[in-house]
Amino acid sequence: MNKITEIRIEEVKDYDNNEFYYYIYCVKDTGERIEVGKSKTKPQCYKQEVTYQ
């Protein structure tokens, strides 16, 4: 079963093309990268924990 091991947000500053954005992607335990997208505004990260009884 493939699981997501990381969710990353990288700030990209491309001065040659005058582009500034945030690149968001996930990494599976197989090493495969899944591109989520690009954002001009800084994404907010939240942690959510659920306890099942």
PDB file of N, CA and C in Angstrom:
ATOM      1  N   MET A   1       0.854  -1.187   0.000  1.00  0.00           N
ATOM      2  CA  MET A   1       0.000   0.000   0.000  1.00  0.00           C
ATOM      3  C   MET A   1       0.890   1.236   0.000  1.00  0.00           C
ATOM      4  N   ASN A   2       0.660   2.149  -0.931  1.00  0.00           N
ATOM      5  CA  ASN A   2       1.440   3.377  -1.016  1.00  0.00           C
ATOM      6  C   ASN A   2       0.900   4.401  -0.025  1.00  0.00           C
ATOM      7  N   LYS A   3       1.806   4.962   0.742  1.00  0.00           N
ATOM      8  CA  LYS A   3       1.415   5.971   1.720  1.00  0.00           C
ATOM      9  C   LYS A   3       2.183   7.257   1.451  1.00  0.00           C
ATOM     10  N   ILE A   4       1.563   8.377   1.777  1.00  0.00           N
ATOM     11  CA  ILE A   4       2.245   9.669   1.670  1.00  0.00           C
ATOM     12  C   ILE A   4       3.097   9.838   2.914  1.00  0.00           C
ATOM     13  N   THR A   5       4.389  10.056   2.721  1.00  0.00           N
ATOM     14  CA  THR A   5       5.306  10.210   3.848  1.00  0.00           C
ATOM     15  C   THR A   5       5.628  11.678   4.129  1.00  0.00           C
ATOM     16  N   GLU A   6       5.510  12.534   3.103  1.00  0.00           N
ATOM     17  CA  GLU A   6       5.836  13.947   3.283  1.00  0.00           C
ATOM     18  C   GLU A   6       4.902  14.813   2.447  1.00  0.00           C
ATOM     19  N   ILE A   7       4.627  15.987   2.956  1.00  0.00           N
ATOM     20  CA  ILE A   7       3.978  17.041   2.188  1.00  0.00           C
ATOM     21  C   ILE A   7       4.906  18.236   2.295  1.00  0.00           C
ATOM     22  N   ARG A   8       5.354  18.738   1.148  1.00  0.00           N
ATOM     23  CA  ARG A   8       6.336  19.818   1.156  1.00  0.00           C
ATOM     24  C   ARG A   8       5.806  21.060   0.452  1.00  0.00           C
ATOM     25  N   ILE A   9       6.247  22.198   0.954  1.00  0.00           N
ATOM     26  CA  ILE A   9       5.957  23.496   0.344  1.00  0.00           C
ATOM     27  C   ILE A   9       7.295  24.200   0.188  1.00  0.00           C
ATOM     28  N   GLU A  10       7.644  24.523  -1.056  1.00  0.00           N
ATOM     29  CA  GLU A  10       8.905  25.197  -1.324  1.00  0.00           C
ATOM     30  C   GLU A  10       8.635  26.573  -1.917  1.00  0.00           C
ATOM     31  N   GLU A  11       9.357  27.564  -1.404  1.00  0.00           N
ATOM     32  CA  GLU A  11       9.248  28.920  -1.933  1.00  0.00           C
ATOM     33  C   GLU A  11      10.203  29.049  -3.118  1.00  0.00           C
ATOM     34  N   VAL A  12       9.685  29.459  -4.269  1.00  0.00           N
ATOM     35  CA  VAL A  12      10.489  29.583  -5.480  1.00  0.00           C
ATOM     36  C   VAL A  12      10.603  31.058  -5.840  1.00  0.00           C
ATOM     37  N   LYS A  13      11.850  31.510  -5.984  1.00  0.00           N
ATOM     38  CA  LYS A  13      12.110  32.893  -6.389  1.00  0.00           C
ATOM     39  C   LYS A  13      12.932  32.837  -7.676  1.00  0.00           C
ATOM     40  N   ASP A  14      12.261  33.001  -8.800  1.00  0.00           N
ATOM     41  CA  ASP A  14      12.897  32.969 -10.111  1.00  0.00           C
ATOM     42  C   ASP A  14      13.130  34.411 -10.555  1.00  0.00           C
ATOM     43  N   TYR A  15      14.316  34.922 -10.285  1.00  0.00           N
ATOM     44  CA  TYR A  15      14.613  36.313 -10.586  1.00  0.00           C
ATOM     45  C   TYR A  15      14.766  36.558 -12.089  1.00  0.00           C
ATOM     46  N   ASP A  16      15.194  35.533 -12.839  1.00  0.00           N
ATOM     47  CA  ASP A  16      15.359  35.701 -14.287  1.00  0.00           C
ATOM     48  C   ASP A  16      14.025  35.981 -14.973  1.00  0.00           C
ATOM     49  N   ASN A  17      12.971  35.263 -14.559  1.00  0.00           N
ATOM     50  CA  ASN A  17      11.644  35.442 -15.154  1.00  0.00           C
ATOM     51  C   ASN A  17      10.725  36.292 -14.290  1.00  0.00           C
ATOM     52  N   ASN A  18      11.262  36.828 -13.188  1.00  0.00           N
ATOM     53  CA  ASN A  18      10.501  37.667 -12.259  1.00  0.00           C
ATOM     54  C   ASN A  18       9.244  36.950 -11.764  1.00  0.00           C
ATOM     55  N   GLU A  19       9.402  35.687 -11.364  1.00  0.00           N
ATOM     56  CA  GLU A  19       8.291  34.883 -10.848  1.00  0.00           C
ATOM     57  C   GLU A  19       8.566  34.490  -9.409  1.00  0.00           C
ATOM     58  N   PHE A  20       7.556  34.619  -8.565  1.00  0.00           N
ATOM     59  CA  PHE A  20       7.650  34.213  -7.170  1.00  0.00           C
ATOM     60  C   PHE A  20       6.401  33.403  -6.833  1.00  0.00           C
ATOM     61  N   TYR A  21       6.587  32.163  -6.383  1.00  0.00           N
ATOM     62  CA  TYR A  21       5.440  31.323  -6.059  1.00  0.00           C
ATOM     63  C   TYR A  21       5.859  30.235  -5.076  1.00  0.00           C
ATOM     64  N   TYR A  22       4.880  29.511  -4.578  1.00  0.00           N
ATOM     65  CA  TYR A  22       5.098  28.382  -3.674  1.00  0.00           C
ATOM     66  C   TYR A  22       4.735  27.108  -4.427  1.00  0.00           C
ATOM     67  N   TYR A  23       5.630  26.136  -4.407  1.00  0.00           N
ATOM     68  CA  TYR A  23       5.439  24.861  -5.093  1.00  0.00           C
ATOM     69  C   TYR A  23       5.081  23.816  -4.037  1.00  0.00           C
ATOM     70  N   ILE A  24       3.939  23.143  -4.212  1.00  0.00           N
ATOM     71  CA  ILE A  24       3.424  22.200  -3.217  1.00  0.00           C
ATOM     72  C   ILE A  24       3.399  20.805  -3.819  1.00  0.00           C
ATOM     73  N   TYR A  25       3.975  19.832  -3.105  1.00  0.00           N
ATOM     74  CA  TYR A  25       3.966  18.459  -3.589  1.00  0.00           C
ATOM     75  C   TYR A  25       4.014  17.473  -2.436  1.00  0.00           C
ATOM     76  N   CYS A  26       3.659  16.217  -2.739  1.00  0.00           N
ATOM     77  CA  CYS A  26       3.683  15.120  -1.774  1.00  0.00           C
ATOM     78  C   CYS A  26       4.713  14.097  -2.213  1.00  0.00           C
ATOM     79  N   VAL A  27       5.246  13.345  -1.252  1.00  0.00           N
ATOM     80  CA  VAL A  27       6.179  12.262  -1.547  1.00  0.00           C
ATOM     81  C   VAL A  27       5.618  10.980  -0.956  1.00  0.00           C
ATOM     82  N   LYS A  28       5.501   9.948  -1.808  1.00  0.00           N
ATOM     83  CA  LYS A  28       5.025   8.646  -1.340  1.00  0.00           C
ATOM     84  C   LYS A  28       6.192   7.843  -0.779  1.00  0.00           C
ATOM     85  N   ASP A  29       5.888   6.761  -0.074  1.00  0.00           N
ATOM     86  CA  ASP A  29       6.941   5.913   0.490  1.00  0.00           C
ATOM     87  C   ASP A  29       7.745   5.201  -0.601  1.00  0.00           C
ATOM     88  N   THR A  30       7.241   5.184  -1.832  1.00  0.00           N
ATOM     89  CA  THR A  30       7.973   4.601  -2.965  1.00  0.00           C
ATOM     90  C   THR A  30       8.945   5.601  -3.578  1.00  0.00           C
ATOM     91  N   GLY A  31       8.898   6.857  -3.125  1.00  0.00           N
ATOM     92  CA  GLY A  31       9.764   7.896  -3.665  1.00  0.00           C
ATOM     93  C   GLY A  31       9.103   8.712  -4.759  1.00  0.00           C
ATOM     94  N   GLU A  32       7.907   8.317  -5.167  1.00  0.00           N
ATOM     95  CA  GLU A  32       7.182   9.025  -6.217  1.00  0.00           C
ATOM     96  C   GLU A  32       6.713  10.377  -5.710  1.00  0.00           C
ATOM     97  N   ARG A  33       6.914  11.418  -6.533  1.00  0.00           N
ATOM     98  CA  ARG A  33       6.445  12.769  -6.198  1.00  0.00           C
ATOM     99  C   ARG A  33       5.134  13.038  -6.899  1.00  0.00           C
ATOM    100  N   ILE A  34       4.195  13.622  -6.173  1.00  0.00           N
ATOM    101  CA  ILE A  34       2.898  14.003  -6.726  1.00  0.00           C
ATOM    102  C   ILE A  34       2.784  15.518  -6.610  1.00  0.00           C
ATOM    103  N   GLU A  35       2.705  16.192  -7.757  1.00  0.00           N
ATOM    104  CA  GLU A  35       2.583  17.647  -7.736  1.00  0.00           C
ATOM    105  C   GLU A  35       1.157  18.031  -7.376  1.00  0.00           C
ATOM    106  N   VAL A  36       1.032  18.853  -6.338  1.00  0.00           N
ATOM    107  CA  VAL A  36      -0.277  19.340  -5.921  1.00  0.00           C
ATOM    108  C   VAL A  36      -0.587  20.629  -6.673  1.00  0.00           C
ATOM    109  N   GLY A  37       0.409  21.509  -6.788  1.00  0.00           N
ATOM    110  CA  GLY A  37       0.188  22.735  -7.541  1.00  0.00           C
ATOM    111  C   GLY A  37       1.121  23.854  -7.140  1.00  0.00           C
ATOM    112  N   LYS A  38       0.837  25.041  -7.675  1.00  0.00           N
ATOM    113  CA  LYS A  38       1.601  26.250  -7.386  1.00  0.00           C
ATOM    114  C   LYS A  38       0.643  27.291  -6.830  1.00  0.00           C
ATOM    115  N   SER A  39       1.165  28.151  -5.971  1.00  0.00           N
ATOM    116  CA  SER A  39       0.343  29.182  -5.360  1.00  0.00           C
ATOM    117  C   SER A  39       1.123  30.485  -5.294  1.00  0.00           C
ATOM    118  N   LYS A  40       0.477  31.571  -5.660  1.00  0.00           N
ATOM    119  CA  LYS A  40       1.109  32.898  -5.545  1.00  0.00           C
ATOM    120  C   LYS A  40       1.062  33.398  -4.107  1.00  0.00           C
ATOM    121  N   THR A  41       0.083  32.935  -3.325  1.00  0.00           N
ATOM    122  CA  THR A  41      -0.010  33.334  -1.926  1.00  0.00           C
ATOM    123  C   THR A  41       0.555  32.223  -1.043  1.00  0.00           C
ATOM    124  N   LYS A  42       1.101  32.602   0.090  1.00  0.00           N
ATOM    125  CA  LYS A  42       1.712  31.630   0.988  1.00  0.00           C
ATOM    126  C   LYS A  42       0.637  30.718   1.589  1.00  0.00           C
ATOM    127  N   PRO A  43       0.765  29.404   1.395  1.00  0.00           N
ATOM    128  CA  PRO A  43      -0.225  28.484   1.957  1.00  0.00           C
ATOM    129  C   PRO A  43      -0.133  28.422   3.478  1.00  0.00           C
ATOM    130  N   GLN A  44      -1.261  28.198   4.120  1.00  0.00           N
ATOM    131  CA  GLN A  44      -1.282  28.014   5.568  1.00  0.00           C
ATOM    132  C   GLN A  44      -1.374  26.525   5.852  1.00  0.00           C
ATOM    133  N   CYS A  45      -0.580  26.071   6.787  1.00  0.00           N
ATOM    134  CA  CYS A  45      -0.546  24.651   7.135  1.00  0.00           C
ATOM    135  C   CYS A  45      -1.260  24.426   8.462  1.00  0.00           C
ATOM    136  N   TYR A  46      -2.025  23.361   8.505  1.00  0.00           N
ATOM    137  CA  TYR A  46      -2.759  23.002   9.713  1.00  0.00           C
ATOM    138  C   TYR A  46      -2.482  21.549  10.043  1.00  0.00           C
ATOM    139  N   LYS A  47      -2.452  21.251  11.311  1.00  0.00           N
ATOM    140  CA  LYS A  47      -2.307  19.868  11.765  1.00  0.00           C
ATOM    141  C   LYS A  47      -3.626  19.452  12.396  1.00  0.00           C
ATOM    142  N   GLN A  48      -4.118  18.315  11.962  1.00  0.00           N
ATOM    143  CA  GLN A  48      -5.376  17.820  12.489  1.00  0.00           C
ATOM    144  C   GLN A  48      -5.156  16.408  13.018  1.00  0.00           C
ATOM    145  N   GLU A  49      -5.538  16.186  14.253  1.00  0.00           N
ATOM    146  CA  GLU A  49      -5.406  14.874  14.863  1.00  0.00           C
ATOM    147  C   GLU A  49      -6.783  14.343  15.205  1.00  0.00           C
ATOM    148  N   VAL A  50      -6.995  13.064  14.932  1.00  0.00           N
ATOM    149  CA  VAL A  50      -8.283  12.432  15.223  1.00  0.00           C
ATOM    150  C   VAL A  50      -8.025  11.204  16.063  1.00  0.00           C
ATOM    151  N   THR A  51      -8.814  11.028  17.112  1.00  0.00           N
ATOM    152  CA  THR A  51      -8.720   9.853  17.966  1.00  0.00           C
ATOM    153  C   THR A  51     -10.012   9.049  17.826  1.00  0.00           C
ATOM    154  N   TYR A  52      -9.878   7.819  17.363  1.00  0.00           N
ATOM    155  CA  TYR A  52     -11.041   6.931  17.239  1.00  0.00           C
ATOM    156  C   TYR A  52     -11.106   6.014  18.441  1.00  0.00           C
ATOM    157  N   GLN A  53     -12.295   5.819  18.957  1.00  0.00           N
ATOM    158  CA  GLN A  53     -12.455   4.936  20.115  1.00  0.00           C
ATOM    159  C   GLN A  53     -13.352   3.783  19.785  1.00  0.00           C
TER     160      GLN A  53
END
